[in-house]
């Protein structure tokens, strides 16, 4: 599943509407951890850029844990990010600032693809 999430994020990173949607978002990063399979993705977005690559589970940056299905649902827009965070589907080991940043990035990605 991380391979599929990486493919989606990589495709998004070269999509002009996605980059445009992220221009006014402050640059940030997070380590997206797949709790059901013990894998992780280093995720960076903002200021018109998007980058994702495989990473070590204990890598640097704010850590956000979820199952593979939850990450795929968040990226595909089938789950509302705040609903997922508040229902315990995603465990954010980051602060409120990072959580708001992830929410904004997720909304911008979904909106850009909808257009």
Protein backbone atom coordinates (compact mmCIF):
# COMPACT_ATOMS: atom_id res chain seq x y z
CA UNK A 1 0.00 0.00 0.00
CA UNK A 2 2.78 2.55 0.65
CA UNK A 3 3.82 2.06 -2.97
CA UNK A 4 0.35 3.12 -4.13
CA UNK A 5 0.34 6.13 -1.79
CA UNK A 6 3.81 7.07 -3.09
CA UNK A 7 2.61 6.78 -6.69
CA UNK A 8 -0.36 9.04 -5.94
CA UNK A 9 1.79 11.63 -4.19
CA UNK A 10 4.46 11.49 -6.92
CA UNK A 11 1.83 12.02 -9.62
CA UNK A 12 0.39 14.90 -7.59
CA UNK A 13 3.83 16.48 -7.22
CA UNK A 14 4.11 17.01 -10.98
CA UNK A 15 0.53 18.21 -11.41
CA UNK A 16 0.36 21.97 -11.90
CA UNK A 17 -3.04 22.41 -10.24
CA UNK A 18 -1.76 20.64 -7.12
CA UNK A 19 1.40 22.73 -6.95
CA UNK A 20 -0.68 25.89 -7.46
CA UNK A 21 -3.04 24.84 -4.66
CA UNK A 22 -0.06 24.51 -2.31
CA UNK A 23 1.61 27.85 -3.14
CA UNK A 24 0.22 29.72 -0.15
CA UNK A 25 0.60 26.80 2.28
CA UNK A 26 3.55 27.10 4.64
CA UNK A 27 6.16 24.41 3.93
CA UNK A 28 6.08 21.53 6.34
CA UNK A 29 6.90 17.86 6.74
CA UNK A 30 5.62 14.76 8.45
CA UNK A 31 6.54 11.11 8.71
CA UNK A 32 3.49 9.13 7.59
CA UNK A 33 3.70 5.74 9.26
CA UNK A 34 1.71 2.70 8.11
CA UNK A 35 0.91 0.94 11.37
CA UNK A 36 -0.36 -2.30 9.86
CA UNK A 37 2.79 -3.07 7.86
CA UNK A 38 5.63 -1.22 9.58
CA UNK A 39 6.53 1.17 6.76
CA UNK A 40 6.81 4.95 6.48
CA UNK A 41 6.80 7.80 3.98
CA UNK A 42 8.65 11.10 4.43
CA UNK A 43 6.10 13.69 3.28
CA UNK A 44 6.88 17.33 2.52
CA UNK A 45 4.47 19.91 1.11
CA UNK A 46 3.91 23.63 0.84
CA UNK A 47 5.11 26.75 -0.94
CA UNK A 48 4.13 25.21 -4.29
CA UNK A 49 5.98 21.93 -3.73
CA UNK A 50 5.11 18.36 -2.85
CA UNK A 51 7.55 15.52 -2.19
CA UNK A 52 7.23 11.99 -0.82
CA UNK A 53 9.69 9.13 -0.49
CA UNK A 54 10.10 5.91 1.49
CA UNK A 55 11.60 6.48 4.91
CA UNK A 56 12.68 4.77 8.10
CA UNK A 57 9.96 4.34 10.74
CA UNK A 58 12.02 6.34 13.21
CA UNK A 59 12.91 9.12 10.81
CA UNK A 60 12.89 12.81 11.74
CA UNK A 61 9.89 15.05 11.84
CA UNK A 62 6.39 14.89 13.29
CA UNK A 63 5.04 11.33 13.20
CA UNK A 64 1.52 10.48 12.11
CA UNK A 65 0.31 6.88 12.37
CA UNK A 66 -2.54 5.23 10.47
CA UNK A 67 -3.34 1.99 8.70
CA UNK A 68 -2.70 1.61 4.98
CA UNK A 69 -6.42 1.78 4.21
CA UNK A 70 -6.78 5.01 6.18
CA UNK A 71 -3.89 6.70 4.34
CA UNK A 72 -5.35 5.65 1.00
CA UNK A 73 -8.81 6.88 2.04
CA UNK A 74 -7.44 10.24 3.14
CA UNK A 75 -5.56 10.73 -0.13
CA UNK A 76 -8.49 9.66 -2.29
CA UNK A 77 -10.87 11.99 -0.51
CA UNK A 78 -13.18 9.24 0.72
CA UNK A 79 -12.46 10.17 4.34
CA UNK A 80 -12.69 13.68 5.68
CA UNK A 81 -9.33 14.33 7.36
CA UNK A 82 -10.71 15.85 10.56
CA UNK A 83 -13.19 12.99 10.90
CA UNK A 84 -10.34 10.52 10.63
CA UNK A 85 -8.21 12.39 13.16
CA UNK A 86 -11.00 12.79 15.68
CA UNK A 87 -12.28 9.23 15.43
CA UNK A 88 -8.89 7.77 16.24
CA UNK A 89 -8.21 6.43 12.75
CA UNK A 90 -5.07 8.54 12.65
CA UNK A 91 -2.79 9.03 15.63
CA UNK A 92 -0.89 12.29 15.37
CA UNK A 93 2.24 12.42 17.46
CA UNK A 94 2.78 15.97 16.30
CA UNK A 95 1.50 19.24 17.68
CA UNK A 96 -1.61 21.17 16.75
CA UNK A 97 0.32 23.26 14.21
CA UNK A 98 1.42 20.15 12.30
CA UNK A 99 -2.08 18.69 12.50
CA UNK A 100 -3.60 21.85 11.00
CA UNK A 101 -0.90 21.84 8.30
CA UNK A 102 -1.76 18.25 7.34
CA UNK A 103 -5.45 19.13 7.24
CA UNK A 104 -4.79 22.09 4.93
CA UNK A 105 -2.54 20.04 2.63
CA UNK A 106 -5.09 17.20 2.42
CA UNK A 107 -7.90 19.63 1.59
CA UNK A 108 -5.80 21.38 -1.08
CA UNK A 109 -4.78 18.06 -2.69
CA UNK A 110 -8.36 16.87 -2.84
CA UNK A 111 -9.65 20.21 -4.17
CA UNK A 112 -6.94 20.40 -6.85
CA UNK A 113 -7.75 16.94 -8.11
CA UNK A 114 -11.49 17.66 -8.08
CA UNK A 115 -10.87 20.62 -10.41
